[in-house]
Amino acid sequence: MTGPAGRALRLTVFVGEDDTWHHRPLYSEIVHRAHEAGLAGASVFRGIEGFGATSLIHTSRLLSLSEDLPVAVVIVDAEETVRGFLPRLAELVGEGLVTLDEVEVVRFAGPGNAGGEGGA
């Protein structure tokens, strides 16, 4: 979201770490497509434990044999931009949970940045 602070939409895609798209990690493909689509940014967060539709618990604990940990891709941008990205996302996510949340973007300008009140 390159504009001013205000209302936006947060898109969160929950997939498994081992999910792939044409031999590439699915989360990475989502990030690259979001970049190509001009979205403001995308971040990938790796979970340490969780379960999904299969009800199989995945964990990062050393004694566990599970490695397909949960991964969340989070994108925040203007509502129309995020909604415009959904068809491209639908091509990728076969089994995964996608959520949309209204959010408020707050921008902070540090000391010395134009428009920032900065200083202590």
PDB file of N, CA and C in Angstrom:
ATOM      1  N   MET A   1       0.861  -1.162   0.000  1.00  0.00           N
ATOM      2  CA  MET A   1       0.000   0.000   0.000  1.00  0.00           C
ATOM      3  C   MET A   1       0.905   1.221   0.000  1.00  0.00           C
ATOM      4  N   THR A   2       1.036   1.821  -1.126  1.00  0.00           N
ATOM      5  CA  THR A   2       1.977   2.922  -1.257  1.00  0.00           C
ATOM      6  C   THR A   2       1.373   4.263  -0.880  1.00  0.00           C
ATOM      7  N   GLY A   3       0.077   4.296  -0.684  1.00  0.00           N
ATOM      8  CA  GLY A   3      -0.602   5.543  -0.372  1.00  0.00           C
ATOM      9  C   GLY A   3      -0.549   5.865   1.109  1.00  0.00           C
ATOM     10  N   PRO A   4      -1.393   6.794   1.522  1.00  0.00           N
ATOM     11  CA  PRO A   4      -1.415   7.213   2.920  1.00  0.00           C
ATOM     12  C   PRO A   4      -2.009   6.132   3.815  1.00  0.00           C
ATOM     13  N   ALA A   5      -1.895   6.367   5.097  1.00  0.00           N
ATOM     14  CA  ALA A   5      -2.473   5.446   6.067  1.00  0.00           C
ATOM     15  C   ALA A   5      -3.984   5.456   5.932  1.00  0.00           C
ATOM     16  N   GLY A   6      -4.604   4.410   6.410  1.00  0.00           N
ATOM     17  CA  GLY A   6      -6.061   4.343   6.355  1.00  0.00           C
ATOM     18  C   GLY A   6      -6.530   2.910   6.239  1.00  0.00           C
ATOM     19  N   ARG A   7      -7.747   2.757   5.742  1.00  0.00           N
ATOM     20  CA  ARG A   7      -8.360   1.441   5.634  1.00  0.00           C
ATOM     21  C   ARG A   7      -7.692   0.624   4.528  1.00  0.00           C
ATOM     22  N   ALA A   8      -7.554  -0.684   4.791  1.00  0.00           N
ATOM     23  CA  ALA A   8      -6.949  -1.589   3.818  1.00  0.00           C
ATOM     24  C   ALA A   8      -7.531  -2.983   4.036  1.00  0.00           C
ATOM     25  N   LEU A   9      -7.074  -3.912   3.224  1.00  0.00           N
ATOM     26  CA  LEU A   9      -7.510  -5.294   3.344  1.00  0.00           C
ATOM     27  C   LEU A   9      -6.281  -6.168   3.552  1.00  0.00           C
ATOM     28  N   ARG A  10      -6.378  -7.083   4.526  1.00  0.00           N
ATOM     29  CA  ARG A  10      -5.290  -8.034   4.776  1.00  0.00           C
ATOM     30  C   ARG A  10      -5.725  -9.386   4.222  1.00  0.00           C
ATOM     31  N   LEU A  11      -4.914  -9.921   3.340  1.00  0.00           N
ATOM     32  CA  LEU A  11      -5.120 -11.235   2.762  1.00  0.00           C
ATOM     33  C   LEU A  11      -4.144 -12.183   3.434  1.00  0.00           C
ATOM     34  N   THR A  12      -4.645 -13.259   4.007  1.00  0.00           N
ATOM     35  CA  THR A  12      -3.782 -14.259   4.628  1.00  0.00           C
ATOM     36  C   THR A  12      -4.074 -15.595   3.974  1.00  0.00           C
ATOM     37  N   VAL A  13      -3.014 -16.254   3.507  1.00  0.00           N
ATOM     38  CA  VAL A  13      -3.132 -17.561   2.868  1.00  0.00           C
ATOM     39  C   VAL A  13      -2.383 -18.563   3.742  1.00  0.00           C
ATOM     40  N   PHE A  14      -3.103 -19.579   4.212  1.00  0.00           N
ATOM     41  CA  PHE A  14      -2.506 -20.624   5.042  1.00  0.00           C
ATOM     42  C   PHE A  14      -2.298 -21.860   4.179  1.00  0.00           C
ATOM     43  N   VAL A  15      -1.047 -22.289   4.073  1.00  0.00           N
ATOM     44  CA  VAL A  15      -0.699 -23.479   3.298  1.00  0.00           C
ATOM     45  C   VAL A  15       0.315 -24.293   4.092  1.00  0.00           C
ATOM     46  N   GLY A  16       0.662 -25.439   3.565  1.00  0.00           N
ATOM     47  CA  GLY A  16       1.698 -26.261   4.189  1.00  0.00           C
ATOM     48  C   GLY A  16       3.056 -25.917   3.615  1.00  0.00           C
ATOM     49  N   GLU A  17       4.070 -26.055   4.428  1.00  0.00           N
ATOM     50  CA  GLU A  17       5.437 -25.750   4.006  1.00  0.00           C
ATOM     51  C   GLU A  17       5.864 -26.604   2.812  1.00  0.00           C
ATOM     52  N   ASP A  18       5.354 -27.808   2.723  1.00  0.00           N
ATOM     53  CA  ASP A  18       5.737 -28.718   1.639  1.00  0.00           C
ATOM     54  C   ASP A  18       4.868 -28.586   0.396  1.00  0.00           C
ATOM     55  N   ASP A  19       3.850 -27.716   0.411  1.00  0.00           N
ATOM     56  CA  ASP A  19       3.001 -27.518  -0.765  1.00  0.00           C
ATOM     57  C   ASP A  19       3.821 -26.855  -1.869  1.00  0.00           C
ATOM     58  N   THR A  20       3.658 -27.340  -3.091  1.00  0.00           N
ATOM     59  CA  THR A  20       4.452 -26.811  -4.205  1.00  0.00           C
ATOM     60  C   THR A  20       3.563 -26.418  -5.380  1.00  0.00           C
ATOM     61  N   TRP A  21       4.129 -25.593  -6.246  1.00  0.00           N
ATOM     62  CA  TRP A  21       3.539 -25.215  -7.525  1.00  0.00           C
ATOM     63  C   TRP A  21       4.636 -25.361  -8.566  1.00  0.00           C
ATOM     64  N   HIS A  22       4.523 -26.359  -9.407  1.00  0.00           N
ATOM     65  CA  HIS A  22       5.529 -26.629 -10.444  1.00  0.00           C
ATOM     66  C   HIS A  22       6.941 -26.697  -9.845  1.00  0.00           C
ATOM     67  N   HIS A  23       7.114 -27.496  -8.826  1.00  0.00           N
ATOM     68  CA  HIS A  23       8.392 -27.771  -8.162  1.00  0.00           C
ATOM     69  C   HIS A  23       8.957 -26.583  -7.382  1.00  0.00           C
ATOM     70  N   ARG A  24       8.163 -25.579  -7.137  1.00  0.00           N
ATOM     71  CA  ARG A  24       8.579 -24.411  -6.360  1.00  0.00           C
ATOM     72  C   ARG A  24       7.686 -24.345  -5.121  1.00  0.00           C
ATOM     73  N   PRO A  25       8.220 -23.937  -3.968  1.00  0.00           N
ATOM     74  CA  PRO A  25       7.357 -23.812  -2.785  1.00  0.00           C
ATOM     75  C   PRO A  25       6.169 -22.896  -3.097  1.00  0.00           C
ATOM     76  N   LEU A  26       4.969 -23.342  -2.722  1.00  0.00           N
ATOM     77  CA  LEU A  26       3.754 -22.586  -3.013  1.00  0.00           C
ATOM     78  C   LEU A  26       3.805 -21.186  -2.413  1.00  0.00           C
ATOM     79  N   TYR A  27       4.298 -21.077  -1.169  1.00  0.00           N
ATOM     80  CA  TYR A  27       4.374 -19.752  -0.545  1.00  0.00           C
ATOM     81  C   TYR A  27       5.255 -18.814  -1.353  1.00  0.00           C
ATOM     82  N   SER A  28       6.324 -19.326  -1.933  1.00  0.00           N
ATOM     83  CA  SER A  28       7.219 -18.504  -2.741  1.00  0.00           C
ATOM     84  C   SER A  28       6.531 -18.068  -4.036  1.00  0.00           C
ATOM     85  N   GLU A  29       5.787 -18.959  -4.644  1.00  0.00           N
ATOM     86  CA  GLU A  29       5.050 -18.620  -5.869  1.00  0.00           C
ATOM     87  C   GLU A  29       4.016 -17.533  -5.591  1.00  0.00           C
ATOM     88  N   ILE A  30       3.342 -17.622  -4.437  1.00  0.00           N
ATOM     89  CA  ILE A  30       2.359 -16.600  -4.069  1.00  0.00           C
ATOM     90  C   ILE A  30       3.040 -15.242  -3.922  1.00  0.00           C
ATOM     91  N   VAL A  31       4.174 -15.212  -3.234  1.00  0.00           N
ATOM     92  CA  VAL A  31       4.909 -13.957  -3.039  1.00  0.00           C
ATOM     93  C   VAL A  31       5.341 -13.372  -4.385  1.00  0.00           C
ATOM     94  N   HIS A  32       5.873 -14.209  -5.275  1.00  0.00           N
ATOM     95  CA  HIS A  32       6.326 -13.701  -6.570  1.00  0.00           C
ATOM     96  C   HIS A  32       5.166 -13.192  -7.425  1.00  0.00           C
ATOM     97  N   ARG A  33       4.046 -13.869  -7.371  1.00  0.00           N
ATOM     98  CA  ARG A  33       2.885 -13.397  -8.132  1.00  0.00           C
ATOM     99  C   ARG A  33       2.330 -12.102  -7.545  1.00  0.00           C
ATOM    100  N   ALA A  34       2.360 -11.974  -6.235  1.00  0.00           N
ATOM    101  CA  ALA A  34       1.916 -10.726  -5.602  1.00  0.00           C
ATOM    102  C   ALA A  34       2.823  -9.576  -6.029  1.00  0.00           C
ATOM    103  N   HIS A  35       4.110  -9.837  -6.096  1.00  0.00           N
ATOM    104  CA  HIS A  35       5.075  -8.817  -6.538  1.00  0.00           C
ATOM    105  C   HIS A  35       4.799  -8.423  -7.987  1.00  0.00           C
ATOM    106  N   GLU A  36       4.612  -9.421  -8.855  1.00  0.00           N
ATOM    107  CA  GLU A  36       4.314  -9.152 -10.261  1.00  0.00           C
ATOM    108  C   GLU A  36       3.020  -8.363 -10.427  1.00  0.00           C
ATOM    109  N   ALA A  37       2.057  -8.597  -9.533  1.00  0.00           N
ATOM    110  CA  ALA A  37       0.764  -7.919  -9.608  1.00  0.00           C
ATOM    111  C   ALA A  37       0.811  -6.508  -9.037  1.00  0.00           C
ATOM    112  N   GLY A  38       1.956  -6.104  -8.476  1.00  0.00           N
ATOM    113  CA  GLY A  38       2.104  -4.744  -7.970  1.00  0.00           C
ATOM    114  C   GLY A  38       1.558  -4.519  -6.578  1.00  0.00           C
ATOM    115  N   LEU A  39       1.352  -5.589  -5.828  1.00  0.00           N
ATOM    116  CA  LEU A  39       0.882  -5.421  -4.450  1.00  0.00           C
ATOM    117  C   LEU A  39       1.971  -4.764  -3.607  1.00  0.00           C
ATOM    118  N   ALA A  40       1.560  -4.118  -2.537  1.00  0.00           N
ATOM    119  CA  ALA A  40       2.487  -3.331  -1.721  1.00  0.00           C
ATOM    120  C   ALA A  40       3.564  -4.178  -1.052  1.00  0.00           C
ATOM    121  N   GLY A  41       3.249  -5.407  -0.695  1.00  0.00           N
ATOM    122  CA  GLY A  41       4.233  -6.259  -0.050  1.00  0.00           C
ATOM    123  C   GLY A  41       3.610  -7.563   0.390  1.00  0.00           C
ATOM    124  N   ALA A  42       4.446  -8.537   0.652  1.00  0.00           N
ATOM    125  CA  ALA A  42       3.989  -9.837   1.136  1.00  0.00           C
ATOM    126  C   ALA A  42       5.033 -10.386   2.088  1.00  0.00           C
ATOM    127  N   SER A  43       4.584 -11.028   3.143  1.00  0.00           N
ATOM    128  CA  SER A  43       5.486 -11.648   4.108  1.00  0.00           C
ATOM    129  C   SER A  43       5.055 -13.083   4.341  1.00  0.00           C
ATOM    130  N   VAL A  44       6.028 -13.952   4.569  1.00  0.00           N
ATOM    131  CA  VAL A  44       5.762 -15.358   4.832  1.00  0.00           C
ATOM    132  C   VAL A  44       6.169 -15.656   6.264  1.00  0.00           C
ATOM    133  N   PHE A  45       5.246 -16.288   6.995  1.00  0.00           N
ATOM    134  CA  PHE A  45       5.499 -16.653   8.389  1.00  0.00           C
ATOM    135  C   PHE A  45       5.382 -18.162   8.526  1.00  0.00           C
ATOM    136  N   ARG A  46       6.410 -18.775   9.087  1.00  0.00           N
ATOM    137  CA  ARG A  46       6.436 -20.227   9.271  1.00  0.00           C
ATOM    138  C   ARG A  46       5.968 -20.553  10.678  1.00  0.00           C
ATOM    139  N   GLY A  47       4.973 -21.406  10.768  1.00  0.00           N
ATOM    140  CA  GLY A  47       4.460 -21.815  12.065  1.00  0.00           C
ATOM    141  C   GLY A  47       5.346 -22.863  12.706  1.00  0.00           C
ATOM    142  N   ILE A  48       5.229 -22.996  14.009  1.00  0.00           N
ATOM    143  CA  ILE A  48       6.000 -24.019  14.705  1.00  0.00           C
ATOM    144  C   ILE A  48       5.143 -25.225  15.056  1.00  0.00           C
ATOM    145  N   GLU A  49       3.815 -25.049  14.962  1.00  0.00           N
ATOM    146  CA  GLU A  49       2.918 -26.162  15.202  1.00  0.00           C
ATOM    147  C   GLU A  49       1.529 -25.792  14.721  1.00  0.00           C
ATOM    148  N   GLY A  50       0.790 -26.770  14.227  1.00  0.00           N
ATOM    149  CA  GLY A  50      -0.566 -26.501  13.802  1.00  0.00           C
ATOM    150  C   GLY A  50      -1.190 -27.698  13.134  1.00  0.00           C
ATOM    151  N   PHE A  51      -2.484 -27.579  12.806  1.00  0.00           N
ATOM    152  CA  PHE A  51      -3.166 -28.607  12.038  1.00  0.00           C
ATOM    153  C   PHE A  51      -4.206 -27.937  11.161  1.00  0.00           C
ATOM    154  N   GLY A  52      -4.581 -28.632  10.121  1.00  0.00           N
ATOM    155  CA  GLY A  52      -5.554 -28.084   9.189  1.00  0.00           C
ATOM    156  C   GLY A  52      -6.647 -29.086   8.909  1.00  0.00           C
ATOM    157  N   ALA A  53      -7.091 -29.115   7.651  1.00  0.00           N
ATOM    158  CA  ALA A  53      -8.233 -29.940   7.264  1.00  0.00           C
ATOM    159  C   ALA A  53      -8.007 -31.426   7.521  1.00  0.00           C
ATOM    160  N   THR A  54      -6.768 -31.877   7.480  1.00  0.00           N
ATOM    161  CA  THR A  54      -6.483 -33.301   7.682  1.00  0.00           C
ATOM    162  C   THR A  54      -6.522 -33.697   9.152  1.00  0.00           C
ATOM    163  N   SER A  55      -6.545 -32.731  10.052  1.00  0.00           N
ATOM    164  CA  SER A  55      -6.513 -32.939  11.507  1.00  0.00           C
ATOM    165  C   SER A  55      -5.209 -33.576  11.982  1.00  0.00           C
ATOM    166  N   LEU A  56      -4.210 -33.648  11.124  1.00  0.00           N
ATOM    167  CA  LEU A  56      -2.894 -34.154  11.503  1.00  0.00           C
ATOM    168  C   LEU A  56      -2.078 -32.994  12.063  1.00  0.00           C
ATOM    169  N   ILE A  57      -1.566 -33.145  13.275  1.00  0.00           N
ATOM    170  CA  ILE A  57      -0.793 -32.066  13.893  1.00  0.00           C
ATOM    171  C   ILE A  57       0.636 -32.098  13.360  1.00  0.00           C
ATOM    172  N   HIS A  58       1.087 -30.949  12.893  1.00  0.00           N
ATOM    173  CA  HIS A  58       2.459 -30.773  12.406  1.00  0.00           C
ATOM    174  C   HIS A  58       3.192 -29.930  13.434  1.00  0.00           C
ATOM    175  N   THR A  59       4.428 -30.316  13.742  1.00  0.00           N
ATOM    176  CA  THR A  59       5.176 -29.597  14.758  1.00  0.00           C
ATOM    177  C   THR A  59       6.652 -29.543  14.399  1.00  0.00           C
ATOM    178  N   SER A  60       7.350 -28.563  14.944  1.00  0.00           N
ATOM    179  CA  SER A  60       8.789 -28.430  14.687  1.00  0.00           C
ATOM    180  C   SER A  60       9.623 -29.060  15.795  1.00  0.00           C
ATOM    181  N   ARG A  61       8.971 -29.708  16.763  1.00  0.00           N
ATOM    182  CA  ARG A  61       9.719 -30.337  17.850  1.00  0.00           C
ATOM    183  C   ARG A  61      10.658 -31.404  17.314  1.00  0.00           C
ATOM    184  N   LEU A  62      11.832 -31.498  17.902  1.00  0.00           N
ATOM    185  CA  LEU A  62      12.878 -32.394  17.405  1.00  0.00           C
ATOM    186  C   LEU A  62      12.449 -33.855  17.313  1.00  0.00           C
ATOM    187  N   LEU A  63      11.660 -34.338  18.242  1.00  0.00           N
ATOM    188  CA  LEU A  63      11.304 -35.750  18.249  1.00  0.00           C
ATOM    189  C   LEU A  63      10.160 -36.077  17.303  1.00  0.00           C
ATOM    190  N   SER A  64       9.577 -35.064  16.690  1.00  0.00           N
ATOM    191  CA  SER A  64       8.470 -35.295  15.774  1.00  0.00           C
ATOM    192  C   SER A  64       8.999 -35.618  14.381  1.00  0.00           C
ATOM    193  N   LEU A  65       8.300 -36.486  13.684  1.00  0.00           N
ATOM    194  CA  LEU A  65       8.688 -36.812  12.315  1.00  0.00           C
ATOM    195  C   LEU A  65       8.056 -35.868  11.299  1.00  0.00           C
ATOM    196  N   SER A  66       7.137 -35.036  11.749  1.00  0.00           N
ATOM    197  CA  SER A  66       6.436 -34.134  10.843  1.00  0.00           C
ATOM    198  C   SER A  66       7.328 -32.967  10.440  1.00  0.00           C
ATOM    199  N   GLU A  67       7.308 -32.638   9.152  1.00  0.00           N
ATOM    200  CA  GLU A  67       8.065 -31.487   8.685  1.00  0.00           C
ATOM    201  C   GLU A  67       7.201 -30.513   7.902  1.00  0.00           C
ATOM    202  N   ASP A  68       5.998 -30.916   7.531  1.00  0.00           N
ATOM    203  CA  ASP A  68       5.128 -30.051   6.723  1.00  0.00           C
ATOM    204  C   ASP A  68       4.456 -29.021   7.624  1.00  0.00           C
ATOM    205  N   LEU A  69       5.243 -28.051   8.070  1.00  0.00           N
ATOM    206  CA  LEU A  69       4.747 -27.058   9.024  1.00  0.00           C
ATOM    207  C   LEU A  69       3.807 -26.066   8.354  1.00  0.00           C
ATOM    208  N   PRO A  70       2.928 -25.445   9.151  1.00  0.00           N
ATOM    209  CA  PRO A  70       2.029 -24.448   8.587  1.00  0.00           C
ATOM    210  C   PRO A  70       2.787 -23.182   8.187  1.00  0.00           C
ATOM    211  N   VAL A  71       2.349 -22.579   7.097  1.00  0.00           N
ATOM    212  CA  VAL A  71       2.946 -21.345   6.594  1.00  0.00           C
ATOM    213  C   VAL A  71       1.818 -20.373   6.293  1.00  0.00           C
ATOM    214  N   ALA A  72       2.009 -19.119   6.679  1.00  0.00           N
ATOM    215  CA  ALA A  72       1.024 -18.077   6.372  1.00  0.00           C
ATOM    216  C   ALA A  72       1.688 -17.022   5.498  1.00  0.00           C
ATOM    217  N   VAL A  73       1.064 -16.700   4.385  1.00  0.00           N
ATOM    218  CA  VAL A  73       1.505 -15.598   3.526  1.00  0.00           C
ATOM    219  C   VAL A  73       0.542 -14.448   3.800  1.00  0.00           C
ATOM    220  N   VAL A  74       1.079 -13.297   4.206  1.00  0.00           N
ATOM    221  CA  VAL A  74       0.255 -12.153   4.571  1.00  0.00           C
ATOM    222  C   VAL A  74       0.546 -10.996   3.619  1.00  0.00           C
ATOM    223  N   ILE A  75      -0.537 -10.442   3.073  1.00  0.00           N
ATOM    224  CA  ILE A  75      -0.443  -9.318   2.143  1.00  0.00           C
ATOM    225  C   ILE A  75      -1.418  -8.246   2.616  1.00  0.00           C
ATOM    226  N   VAL A  76      -0.975  -6.985   2.669  1.00  0.00           N
ATOM    227  CA  VAL A  76      -1.852  -5.878   3.034  1.00  0.00           C
ATOM    228  C   VAL A  76      -1.754  -4.819   1.943  1.00  0.00           C
ATOM    229  N   ASP A  77      -2.914  -4.428   1.428  1.00  0.00           N
ATOM    230  CA  ASP A  77      -2.951  -3.382   0.398  1.00  0.00           C
ATOM    231  C   ASP A  77      -4.370  -2.834   0.339  1.00  0.00           C
ATOM    232  N   ALA A  78      -4.594  -1.927  -0.570  1.00  0.00           N
ATOM    233  CA  ALA A  78      -5.935  -1.361  -0.759  1.00  0.00           C
ATOM    234  C   ALA A  78      -6.895  -2.477  -1.144  1.00  0.00           C
ATOM    235  N   GLU A  79      -8.143  -2.350  -0.712  1.00  0.00           N
ATOM    236  CA  GLU A  79      -9.119  -3.419  -0.942  1.00  0.00           C
ATOM    237  C   GLU A  79      -9.230  -3.814  -2.414  1.00  0.00           C
ATOM    238  N   GLU A  80      -9.333  -2.837  -3.291  1.00  0.00           N
ATOM    239  CA  GLU A  80      -9.500  -3.162  -4.708  1.00  0.00           C
ATOM    240  C   GLU A  80      -8.273  -3.883  -5.277  1.00  0.00           C
ATOM    241  N   THR A  81      -7.096  -3.560  -4.792  1.00  0.00           N
ATOM    242  CA  THR A  81      -5.876  -4.211  -5.255  1.00  0.00           C
ATOM    243  C   THR A  81      -5.834  -5.668  -4.788  1.00  0.00           C
ATOM    244  N   VAL A  82      -6.175  -5.892  -3.526  1.00  0.00           N
ATOM    245  CA  VAL A  82      -6.185  -7.254  -2.983  1.00  0.00           C
ATOM    246  C   VAL A  82      -7.252  -8.086  -3.689  1.00  0.00           C
ATOM    247  N   ARG A  83      -8.443  -7.544  -3.830  1.00  0.00           N
ATOM    248  CA  ARG A  83      -9.523  -8.300  -4.482  1.00  0.00           C
ATOM    249  C   ARG A  83      -9.183  -8.594  -5.947  1.00  0.00           C
ATOM    250  N   GLY A  84      -8.464  -7.700  -6.594  1.00  0.00           N
ATOM    251  CA  GLY A  84      -8.022  -7.932  -7.965  1.00  0.00           C
ATOM    252  C   GLY A  84      -7.004  -9.054  -8.076  1.00  0.00           C
ATOM    253  N   PHE A  85      -6.309  -9.338  -6.984  1.00  0.00           N
ATOM    254  CA  PHE A  85      -5.304 -10.408  -6.958  1.00  0.00           C
ATOM    255  C   PHE A  85      -5.930 -11.782  -6.723  1.00  0.00           C
ATOM    256  N   LEU A  86      -7.134 -11.838  -6.187  1.00  0.00           N
ATOM    257  CA  LEU A  86      -7.762 -13.114  -5.825  1.00  0.00           C
ATOM    258  C   LEU A  86      -7.858 -14.117  -6.980  1.00  0.00           C
ATOM    259  N   PRO A  87      -8.202 -13.714  -8.213  1.00  0.00           N
ATOM    260  CA  PRO A  87      -8.235 -14.705  -9.300  1.00  0.00           C
ATOM    261  C   PRO A  87      -6.872 -15.340  -9.563  1.00  0.00           C
ATOM    262  N   ARG A  88      -5.803 -14.587  -9.451  1.00  0.00           N
ATOM    263  CA  ARG A  88      -4.454 -15.147  -9.641  1.00  0.00           C
ATOM    264  C   ARG A  88      -4.120 -16.117  -8.520  1.00  0.00           C
ATOM    265  N   LEU A  89      -4.588 -15.805  -7.317  1.00  0.00           N
ATOM    266  CA  LEU A  89      -4.363 -16.667  -6.168  1.00  0.00           C
ATOM    267  C   LEU A  89      -5.159 -17.959  -6.302  1.00  0.00           C
ATOM    268  N   ALA A  90      -6.369 -17.865  -6.831  1.00  0.00           N
ATOM    269  CA  ALA A  90      -7.236 -19.039  -6.979  1.00  0.00           C
ATOM    270  C   ALA A  90      -6.603 -20.104  -7.867  1.00  0.00           C
ATOM    271  N   GLU A  91      -5.759 -19.691  -8.816  1.00  0.00           N
ATOM    272  CA  GLU A  91      -5.059 -20.635  -9.680  1.00  0.00           C
ATOM    273  C   GLU A  91      -4.078 -21.505  -8.892  1.00  0.00           C
ATOM    274  N   LEU A  92      -3.588 -20.981  -7.773  1.00  0.00           N
ATOM    275  CA  LEU A  92      -2.520 -21.635  -7.020  1.00  0.00           C
ATOM    276  C   LEU A  92      -2.989 -22.470  -5.841  1.00  0.00           C
ATOM    277  N   VAL A  93      -3.992 -21.989  -5.135  1.00  0.00           N
ATOM    278  CA  VAL A  93      -4.360 -22.584  -3.855  1.00  0.00           C
ATOM    279  C   VAL A  93      -5.483 -23.599  -4.057  1.00  0.00           C
ATOM    280  N   GLY A  94      -5.109 -24.879  -4.064  1.00  0.00           N
ATOM    281  CA  GLY A  94      -6.100 -25.930  -4.162  1.00  0.00           C
ATOM    282  C   GLY A  94      -6.607 -26.293  -2.780  1.00  0.00           C
ATOM    283  N   GLU A  95      -5.690 -26.631  -1.901  1.00  0.00           N
ATOM    284  CA  GLU A  95      -6.027 -26.943  -0.517  1.00  0.00           C
ATOM    285  C   GLU A  95      -5.313 -25.947   0.368  1.00  0.00           C
ATOM    286  N   GLY A  96      -6.032 -25.027   0.866  1.00  0.00           N
ATOM    287  CA  GLY A  96      -5.474 -24.009   1.739  1.00  0.00           C
ATOM    288  C   GLY A  96      -6.599 -23.096   2.172  1.00  0.00           C
ATOM    289  N   LEU A  97      -6.359 -22.387   3.216  1.00  0.00           N
ATOM    290  CA  LEU A  97      -7.357 -21.468   3.750  1.00  0.00           C
ATOM    291  C   LEU A  97      -6.937 -20.046   3.394  1.00  0.00           C
ATOM    292  N   VAL A  98      -7.882 -19.281   2.868  1.00  0.00           N
ATOM    293  CA  VAL A  98      -7.627 -17.883   2.525  1.00  0.00           C
ATOM    294  C   VAL A  98      -8.600 -17.036   3.329  1.00  0.00           C
ATOM    295  N   THR A  99      -8.070 -16.028   4.035  1.00  0.00           N
ATOM    296  CA  THR A  99      -8.935 -15.128   4.794  1.00  0.00           C
ATOM    297  C   THR A  99      -8.699 -13.692   4.352  1.00  0.00           C
ATOM    298  N   LEU A 100      -9.743 -12.884   4.481  1.00  0.00           N
ATOM    299  CA  LEU A 100      -9.668 -11.452   4.217  1.00  0.00           C
ATOM    300  C   LEU A 100     -10.154 -10.728   5.458  1.00  0.00           C
ATOM    301  N   ASP A 101      -9.401  -9.729   5.898  1.00  0.00           N
ATOM    302  CA  ASP A 101      -9.757  -8.939   7.072  1.00  0.00           C
ATOM    303  C   ASP A 101      -9.588  -7.467   6.751  1.00  0.00           C
ATOM    304  N   GLU A 102     -10.566  -6.656   7.172  1.00  0.00           N
ATOM    305  CA  GLU A 102     -10.396  -5.211   7.069  1.00  0.00           C
ATOM    306  C   GLU A 102      -9.417  -4.781   8.151  1.00  0.00           C
ATOM    307  N   VAL A 103      -8.464  -3.947   7.785  1.00  0.00           N
ATOM    308  CA  VAL A 103      -7.462  -3.455   8.735  1.00  0.00           C
ATOM    309  C   VAL A 103      -7.291  -1.955   8.558  1.00  0.00           C
ATOM    310  N   GLU A 104      -6.672  -1.356   9.544  1.00  0.00           N
ATOM    311  CA  GLU A 104      -6.310   0.055   9.453  1.00  0.00           C
ATOM    312  C   GLU A 104      -4.796   0.144   9.418  1.00  0.00           C
ATOM    313  N   VAL A 105      -4.270   0.812   8.409  1.00  0.00           N
ATOM    314  CA  VAL A 105      -2.827   0.974   8.259  1.00  0.00           C
ATOM    315  C   VAL A 105      -2.396   2.244   8.977  1.00  0.00           C
ATOM    316  N   VAL A 106      -1.396   2.122   9.812  1.00  0.00           N
ATOM    317  CA  VAL A 106      -0.824   3.260  10.530  1.00  0.00           C
ATOM    318  C   VAL A 106       0.619   3.390  10.067  1.00  0.00           C
ATOM    319  N   ARG A 107       0.969   4.545   9.585  1.00  0.00           N
ATOM    320  CA  ARG A 107       2.344   4.760   9.116  1.00  0.00           C
ATOM    321  C   ARG A 107       3.080   5.653  10.111  1.00  0.00           C
ATOM    322  N   PHE A 108       4.298   5.238  10.419  1.00  0.00           N
ATOM    323  CA  PHE A 108       5.146   6.038  11.291  1.00  0.00           C
ATOM    324  C   PHE A 108       6.302   6.581  10.473  1.00  0.00           C
ATOM    325  N   ALA A 109       6.575   7.854  10.631  1.00  0.00           N
ATOM    326  CA  ALA A 109       7.728   8.470   9.980  1.00  0.00           C
ATOM    327  C   ALA A 109       8.762   8.729  11.057  1.00  0.00           C
ATOM    328  N   GLY A 110       9.936   8.182  10.874  1.00  0.00           N
ATOM    329  CA  GLY A 110      10.997   8.345  11.866  1.00  0.00           C
ATOM    330  C   GLY A 110      11.589   9.746  11.827  1.00  0.00           C
ATOM    331  N   PRO A 111      12.447  10.033  12.769  1.00  0.00           N
ATOM    332  CA  PRO A 111      13.101  11.348  12.809  1.00  0.00           C
ATOM    333  C   PRO A 111      13.827  11.637  11.494  1.00  0.00           C
ATOM    334  N   GLY A 112      13.615  12.812  10.995  1.00  0.00           N
ATOM    335  CA  GLY A 112      14.311  13.221   9.771  1.00  0.00           C
ATOM    336  C   GLY A 112      13.543  12.888   8.503  1.00  0.00           C
ATOM    337  N   ASN A 113      12.446  12.123   8.606  1.00  0.00           N
ATOM    338  CA  ASN A 113      11.655  11.804   7.409  1.00  0.00           C
ATOM    339  C   ASN A 113      10.673  12.936   7.156  1.00  0.00           C
ATOM    340  N   ALA A 114      10.498  13.246   5.893  1.00  0.00           N
ATOM    341  CA  ALA A 114       9.554  14.288   5.531  1.00  0.00           C
ATOM    342  C   ALA A 114       8.166  13.949   6.026  1.00  0.00           C
ATOM    343  N   GLY A 115       7.507  14.896   6.624  1.00  0.00           N
ATOM    344  CA  GLY A 115       6.145  14.689   7.095  1.00  0.00           C
ATOM    345  C   GLY A 115       6.065  14.059   8.459  1.00  0.00           C
ATOM    346  N   GLY A 116       7.172  13.583   8.971  1.00  0.00           N
ATOM    347  CA  GLY A 116       7.160  12.947  10.284  1.00  0.00           C
ATOM    348  C   GLY A 116       7.325  13.964  11.379  1.00  0.00           C
ATOM    349  N   GLU A 117       6.678  13.720  12.496  1.00  0.00           N
ATOM    350  CA  GLU A 117       6.829  14.630  13.617  1.00  0.00           C
ATOM    351  C   GLU A 117       8.071  14.290  14.398  1.00  0.00           C
ATOM    352  N   GLY A 118       8.472  13.011  14.352  1.00  0.00           N
ATOM    353  CA  GLY A 118       9.726  12.500  14.917  1.00  0.00           C
ATOM    354  C   GLY A 118      10.205  13.175  16.178  1.00  0.00           C
ATOM    355  N   GLY A 119      11.400  12.816  16.576  1.00  0.00           N
ATOM    356  CA  GLY A 119      12.054  13.424  17.727  1.00  0.00           C
ATOM    357  C   GLY A 119      11.519  12.933  19.040  1.00  0.00           C
ATOM    358  N   ALA A 120      12.311  13.140  20.082  1.00  0.00           N
ATOM    359  CA  ALA A 120      11.899  12.716  21.420  1.00  0.00           C
ATOM    360  C   ALA A 120      11.612  13.912  22.268  1.00  0.00           C
TER     361      ALA A 120
END
